[in-house]
Amino acid sequence: ITAGRLQELFGTTFDVITDDDRCYIMVEHNNCLVKIETDEAGNLISKSAWNQIVPADNQNQDNSTNQGVATGQIINAGTGVGISGVKLTVHKGPDSPYGEAIKELESDGHGNYSIELSEGKYTITAAANGFVDESFTISVMRGMTVANQNLTMSEELEIGEIRIVLEWGSEPSDLDAHLVGTSANGTYVNVNFTNKVATENGTMIASLDVDDQSAYGPETITVTDGAKGNYEFFVHNYSGMAQDDSFSLAESGAMVKVYVGRQEPRVFNVPVSSGGIAIQGFYWHVFRLDQGVITEINEIDWN
């Protein structure tokens, strides 16, 4: 989100504050003091940016402790259900899966985790039998609990299979995954929330495994002939069209992960701005899949 768009959202101008190794804006909003990490120009460039919201009654609270809590869920991409017993290793710093390991824990019977750490950003690596190993960055804020820091993991796939997983933030409530194209034998495929399975001669070739309508995701599409067919994958801001909110897709923090076999996923992040201007549109065209070759598109448009 650009600095100009942030100023529109908060209805005020602001200065960028530099504190230690962090740049952030600070504004008063709805009787709260709001701090959000940005770049030096005041642009919000990360969906997992550090932020802090302090109600007026608590702005003078004791901050002698530097501890905070991060919570979330480890989710099976193919079912949308939490994965129990996932080994989670915490590493110092963001995007540092090979950095110094400082803690280990496991997800509970519903896939949930909770960890107390000093304020800052950390990388968690996740491993479970039968699943592709992954890592994700979490944020910890002093004296607060930051929830919904989730990870979606995919089971290892068979040769030729491809799995596409869409995740996003708390808004908008409903983003929809769409796969359109033709199979290796020329069968037309159009998989989405209204047509969840595509078949050819009685055999499934693509399916919408998980459909989420209440924010965060995942929405998951699995393609059994992904190494042979020709497809395009795009995301539709379904709830945004109902509200006539053409900015919310770019501001959703949406991310698409593409799994092939047992490899780590290829990741696409929704484009936020072009030339410093927030991108409007209801459709995010993410990539093409041509006989197993993924070609990035990564454009937001109106249709």
Protein backbone atom coordinates (compact mmCIF):
# COMPACT_ATOMS: atom_id res chain seq x y z
CA ILE A 1 0.00 0.00 0.00
CA THR A 2 1.45 3.35 -0.96
CA ALA A 3 2.02 6.18 1.53
CA GLY A 4 -0.66 8.21 -0.24
CA ARG A 5 -3.20 5.40 0.10
CA LEU A 6 -2.34 4.99 3.80
CA GLN A 7 -2.96 8.70 4.33
CA GLU A 8 -6.34 8.34 2.61
CA LEU A 9 -7.25 5.38 4.83
CA PHE A 10 -6.31 7.16 8.06
CA GLY A 11 -7.52 10.58 6.91
CA THR A 12 -4.32 12.31 7.99
CA THR A 13 -0.74 12.98 7.01
CA PHE A 14 2.16 11.44 8.92
CA ASP A 15 5.92 11.38 9.20
CA VAL A 16 8.08 8.28 8.89
CA ILE A 17 9.89 7.51 12.15
CA THR A 18 13.20 5.63 12.23
CA ASP A 19 13.74 3.60 15.41
CA ASP A 20 16.76 1.27 15.61
CA ASP A 21 16.54 -0.89 12.46
CA ARG A 22 12.89 -0.11 11.71
CA CYS A 23 10.99 2.58 9.83
CA TYR A 24 7.34 3.09 10.75
CA ILE A 25 4.46 5.53 10.68
CA MET A 26 2.54 6.52 13.82
CA VAL A 27 -1.01 7.89 13.75
CA GLU A 28 -3.94 8.26 16.14
CA HIS A 29 -7.03 6.42 14.89
CA ASN A 30 -10.29 5.50 16.67
CA ASN A 31 -8.80 6.49 20.03
CA CYS A 32 -5.79 4.22 19.48
CA LEU A 33 -2.13 4.84 18.75
CA VAL A 34 -1.27 2.90 15.57
CA LYS A 35 2.29 2.05 14.48
CA ILE A 36 2.94 0.29 11.16
CA GLU A 37 6.31 -0.64 9.68
CA THR A 38 6.96 0.89 6.23
CA ASP A 39 9.86 1.70 3.97
CA GLU A 40 11.67 5.03 4.23
CA ALA A 41 9.03 6.70 2.03
CA GLY A 42 6.10 5.49 4.14
CA ASN A 43 4.94 2.72 1.77
CA LEU A 44 3.64 -0.51 3.30
CA ILE A 45 5.52 -3.16 1.34
CA SER A 46 5.04 -6.39 3.30
CA LYS A 47 1.86 -8.28 4.22
CA SER A 48 3.61 -9.42 7.42
CA ALA A 49 4.81 -5.95 8.40
CA TRP A 50 5.39 -5.26 12.09
CA ASN A 51 2.56 -3.23 13.58
CA GLN A 52 1.30 -2.18 16.99
CA ILE A 53 -2.11 -0.86 18.07
CA VAL A 54 -2.33 0.57 21.59
CA PRO A 55 -5.71 1.71 23.03
CA ALA A 56 -5.63 5.12 24.67
CA ASP A 57 -6.10 3.59 28.13
CA ASN A 58 -2.99 1.45 27.69
CA GLN A 59 -0.58 3.90 26.10
CA ASN A 60 1.21 4.41 29.42
CA GLN A 61 1.40 0.71 30.29
CA ASP A 62 4.57 -0.87 31.71
CA ASN A 63 6.77 -1.92 28.79
CA SER A 64 9.58 -3.30 30.94
CA THR A 65 9.17 -6.74 29.33
CA ASN A 66 10.08 -7.21 25.69
CA GLN A 67 8.07 -10.41 25.29
CA GLY A 68 5.08 -11.05 23.06
CA VAL A 69 3.14 -14.05 21.77
CA ALA A 70 2.62 -15.34 18.22
CA THR A 71 -0.16 -17.82 17.46
CA GLY A 72 -1.45 -19.52 14.33
CA GLN A 73 -2.39 -22.77 12.67
CA ILE A 74 -0.58 -25.20 10.36
CA ILE A 75 -3.15 -26.18 7.71
CA ASN A 76 -3.35 -29.06 5.24
CA ALA A 77 -3.70 -27.44 1.80
CA GLY A 78 -5.69 -30.38 0.45
CA THR A 79 -8.31 -30.46 3.21
CA GLY A 80 -8.24 -27.11 5.01
CA VAL A 81 -7.84 -28.99 8.33
CA GLY A 82 -5.09 -28.38 10.88
CA ILE A 83 -2.07 -30.73 10.88
CA SER A 84 -1.08 -32.15 14.25
CA GLY A 85 2.47 -32.89 15.33
CA VAL A 86 4.23 -30.58 12.86
CA LYS A 87 7.80 -29.94 14.02
CA LEU A 88 8.35 -26.18 14.16
CA THR A 89 11.82 -24.70 14.55
CA VAL A 90 12.20 -20.98 15.27
CA HIS A 91 15.13 -19.12 13.71
CA LYS A 92 16.31 -15.58 14.38
CA GLY A 93 15.33 -12.96 11.80
CA PRO A 94 12.85 -12.79 8.91
CA ASP A 95 13.28 -14.97 5.80
CA SER A 96 16.14 -16.88 7.43
CA PRO A 97 15.28 -20.61 7.43
CA TYR A 98 18.98 -21.46 7.81
CA GLY A 99 19.66 -18.92 10.55
CA GLU A 100 20.35 -19.63 14.20
CA ALA A 101 17.70 -21.96 15.68
CA ILE A 102 16.50 -20.78 19.11
CA LYS A 103 13.36 -22.81 19.91
CA GLU A 104 11.48 -25.94 18.88
CA LEU A 105 7.83 -26.87 19.36
CA GLU A 106 5.06 -28.95 17.76
CA SER A 107 1.56 -28.07 16.57
CA ASP A 108 -1.23 -29.45 18.74
CA GLY A 109 -3.98 -31.88 17.77
CA HIS A 110 -5.76 -29.19 15.73
CA GLY A 111 -2.62 -27.83 14.08
CA ASN A 112 -2.40 -24.79 16.36
CA TYR A 113 0.76 -23.35 17.84
CA SER A 114 1.57 -20.60 20.34
CA ILE A 115 5.01 -19.26 21.20
CA GLU A 116 6.35 -16.47 23.39
CA LEU A 117 9.40 -14.60 22.11
CA SER A 118 11.11 -11.24 22.36
CA GLU A 119 9.72 -8.52 20.07
CA GLY A 120 10.92 -8.88 16.50
CA LYS A 121 10.61 -11.03 13.40
CA TYR A 122 11.45 -14.71 13.19
CA THR A 123 11.42 -17.51 10.64
CA ILE A 124 9.74 -20.81 11.45
CA THR A 125 10.64 -23.94 9.49
CA ALA A 126 7.93 -26.62 9.43
CA ALA A 127 8.35 -30.36 8.80
CA ALA A 128 5.86 -33.24 8.90
CA ASN A 129 5.91 -36.75 7.46
CA GLY A 130 4.40 -36.86 3.98
CA PHE A 131 4.37 -33.06 3.56
CA VAL A 132 6.65 -30.66 1.69
CA ASP A 133 8.97 -28.83 4.12
CA GLU A 134 8.27 -25.10 4.32
CA SER A 135 9.17 -21.93 6.19
CA PHE A 136 7.32 -18.71 7.06
CA THR A 137 8.02 -15.43 8.85
CA ILE A 138 6.21 -14.39 12.03
CA SER A 139 6.05 -11.07 13.86
CA VAL A 140 6.14 -10.67 17.64
CA MET A 141 5.03 -7.42 19.31
CA ARG A 142 5.88 -6.48 22.86
CA GLY A 143 3.08 -7.14 25.35
CA MET A 144 0.67 -8.34 22.67
CA THR A 145 -0.59 -11.52 21.00
CA VAL A 146 -0.42 -11.54 17.21
CA ALA A 147 -2.83 -14.19 15.91
CA ASN A 148 -3.56 -15.80 12.52
CA GLN A 149 0.11 -16.24 11.61
CA ASN A 150 -0.73 -19.39 9.70
CA LEU A 151 1.07 -21.73 7.33
CA THR A 152 -0.48 -23.95 4.68
CA MET A 153 1.46 -27.13 3.86
CA SER A 154 0.94 -29.47 0.92
CA GLU A 155 1.20 -33.22 0.98
CA GLU A 156 3.85 -34.56 -1.40
CA LEU A 157 2.37 -34.98 -4.88
CA GLU A 158 2.60 -37.70 -7.49
CA ILE A 159 4.64 -37.14 -10.65
CA GLY A 160 2.74 -34.82 -13.01
CA GLU A 161 0.47 -33.40 -10.30
CA ILE A 162 0.44 -29.69 -9.47
CA ARG A 163 -1.21 -28.03 -6.48
CA ILE A 164 -2.08 -24.31 -6.36
CA VAL A 165 -2.78 -22.70 -2.98
CA LEU A 166 -4.20 -19.19 -2.47
CA GLU A 167 -3.82 -17.41 0.88
CA TRP A 168 -4.56 -13.81 1.91
CA GLY A 169 -5.16 -11.55 4.91
CA SER A 170 -8.19 -10.58 6.97
CA GLU A 171 -9.77 -8.56 4.11
CA PRO A 172 -11.48 -9.01 1.76
CA SER A 173 -13.49 -11.92 3.10
CA ASP A 174 -13.79 -13.88 -0.15
CA LEU A 175 -11.15 -14.31 -2.83
CA ASP A 176 -11.80 -17.08 -5.35
CA ALA A 177 -9.30 -19.31 -7.16
CA HIS A 178 -9.95 -20.06 -10.86
CA LEU A 179 -8.23 -22.46 -13.25
CA VAL A 180 -9.12 -22.22 -16.95
CA GLY A 181 -7.64 -24.04 -19.94
CA THR A 182 -7.51 -27.36 -21.77
CA SER A 183 -6.23 -30.79 -20.83
CA ALA A 184 -3.63 -32.66 -22.86
CA ASN A 185 -6.48 -34.26 -24.83
CA GLY A 186 -8.25 -30.96 -25.49
CA THR A 187 -10.97 -31.12 -22.80
CA TYR A 188 -12.05 -27.64 -21.68
CA VAL A 189 -11.39 -27.05 -17.98
CA ASN A 190 -12.93 -24.30 -15.86
CA VAL A 191 -12.57 -25.03 -12.13
CA ASN A 192 -13.91 -22.59 -9.53
CA PHE A 193 -16.41 -22.41 -6.66
CA THR A 194 -19.36 -23.08 -8.99
CA ASN A 195 -17.67 -25.97 -10.83
CA LYS A 196 -15.37 -27.70 -8.39
CA VAL A 197 -14.35 -30.74 -10.44
CA ALA A 198 -13.26 -31.20 -14.06
CA THR A 199 -13.30 -34.72 -15.50
CA GLU A 200 -12.27 -36.41 -18.71
CA ASN A 201 -13.75 -39.78 -19.65
CA GLY A 202 -14.81 -40.24 -16.03
CA THR A 203 -11.38 -39.41 -14.62
CA MET A 204 -10.78 -36.28 -12.54
CA ILE A 205 -8.18 -33.96 -14.05
CA ALA A 206 -8.58 -30.91 -11.77
CA SER A 207 -10.47 -30.06 -8.59
CA LEU A 208 -11.12 -27.25 -6.14
CA ASP A 209 -10.23 -29.08 -2.91
CA VAL A 210 -10.80 -26.23 -0.44
CA ASP A 211 -13.09 -23.20 -0.86
CA ASP A 212 -12.73 -20.49 1.79
CA GLN A 213 -15.22 -17.60 2.15
CA SER A 214 -14.16 -16.09 5.46
CA ALA A 215 -10.69 -14.59 4.85
CA TYR A 216 -7.15 -15.95 5.12
CA GLY A 217 -7.72 -19.05 2.96
CA PRO A 218 -6.54 -21.44 1.85
CA GLU A 219 -8.27 -22.01 -1.47
CA THR A 220 -6.67 -25.01 -3.15
CA ILE A 221 -6.80 -26.40 -6.68
CA THR A 222 -5.06 -29.67 -7.60
CA VAL A 223 -4.34 -30.55 -11.25
CA THR A 224 -3.61 -34.21 -11.97
CA ASP A 225 -2.37 -33.62 -15.54
CA GLY A 226 -0.54 -30.39 -14.76
CA ALA A 227 2.56 -31.55 -16.61
CA LYS A 228 0.58 -31.96 -19.86
CA GLY A 229 -2.30 -29.48 -20.07
CA ASN A 230 -2.37 -25.74 -20.83
CA TYR A 231 -3.97 -23.53 -18.18
CA GLU A 232 -4.18 -20.06 -16.70
CA PHE A 233 -4.67 -19.44 -12.99
CA PHE A 234 -6.29 -16.25 -11.73
CA VAL A 235 -7.84 -14.87 -8.53
CA HIS A 236 -11.21 -13.09 -8.43
CA ASN A 237 -12.07 -10.60 -5.67
CA TYR A 238 -15.64 -11.86 -5.27
CA SER A 239 -16.56 -9.84 -2.18
CA GLY A 240 -14.89 -6.72 -3.59
CA MET A 241 -17.25 -6.64 -6.57
CA ALA A 242 -20.25 -6.76 -4.23
CA GLN A 243 -18.88 -3.78 -2.29
CA ASP A 244 -17.49 -1.95 -5.35
CA ASP A 245 -14.07 -1.95 -3.67
CA SER A 246 -11.54 -2.20 -6.50
CA PHE A 247 -8.51 -1.53 -4.28
CA SER A 248 -8.94 -4.42 -1.84
CA LEU A 249 -7.39 -7.11 -4.06
CA ALA A 250 -4.09 -5.23 -4.28
CA GLU A 251 -4.27 -4.58 -0.54
CA SER A 252 -5.26 -8.13 0.43
CA GLY A 253 -1.74 -9.45 1.01
CA ALA A 254 -2.68 -12.36 -1.27
CA MET A 255 -0.08 -15.02 -2.00
CA VAL A 256 -0.21 -18.00 -4.37
CA LYS A 257 2.00 -21.06 -3.83
CA VAL A 258 2.51 -23.60 -6.63
CA TYR A 259 3.67 -27.10 -5.65
CA VAL A 260 5.19 -29.57 -8.09
CA GLY A 261 5.97 -33.05 -6.74
CA ARG A 262 8.06 -32.79 -3.58
CA GLN A 263 9.73 -29.47 -4.40
CA GLU A 264 9.39 -26.32 -2.30
CA PRO A 265 6.59 -24.19 -3.75
CA ARG A 266 7.05 -21.34 -6.19
CA VAL A 267 5.51 -18.22 -4.63
CA PHE A 268 3.66 -15.30 -6.25
CA ASN A 269 2.69 -12.18 -4.25
CA VAL A 270 -0.12 -9.91 -5.39
CA PRO A 271 1.20 -6.67 -6.95
CA VAL A 272 0.51 -3.66 -4.73
CA SER A 273 1.26 -0.60 -6.82
CA SER A 274 2.49 0.59 -10.19
CA GLY A 275 4.50 3.79 -10.34
CA GLY A 276 3.52 4.52 -6.74
CA ILE A 277 -0.22 4.27 -7.49
CA ALA A 278 -2.34 1.52 -5.94
CA ILE A 279 -3.58 -0.92 -8.58
CA GLN A 280 -7.34 -1.23 -9.10
CA GLY A 281 -9.14 -4.26 -10.48
CA PHE A 282 -11.11 -7.34 -9.51
CA TYR A 283 -8.94 -10.01 -11.16
CA TRP A 284 -5.36 -11.02 -10.44
CA HIS A 285 -3.93 -13.00 -13.37
CA VAL A 286 -1.16 -14.93 -11.66
CA PHE A 287 0.49 -17.35 -14.11
CA ARG A 288 0.15 -19.65 -17.12
CA LEU A 289 0.87 -23.35 -16.95
CA ASP A 290 1.88 -24.82 -20.31
CA GLN A 291 2.73 -28.52 -20.21
CA GLY A 292 4.36 -28.17 -16.81
CA VAL A 293 6.13 -24.87 -17.53
CA ILE A 294 5.04 -21.99 -15.27
CA THR A 295 5.14 -18.50 -16.79
CA GLU A 296 4.49 -15.53 -14.52
CA ILE A 297 1.81 -12.97 -15.47
CA ASN A 298 1.22 -11.24 -12.11
CA GLU A 299 -1.15 -8.47 -13.29
CA ILE A 300 -4.34 -7.04 -11.83
CA ASP A 301 -7.11 -6.10 -14.25
CA TRP A 302 -10.86 -5.55 -14.41
CA ASN A 303 -11.68 -8.88 -16.10
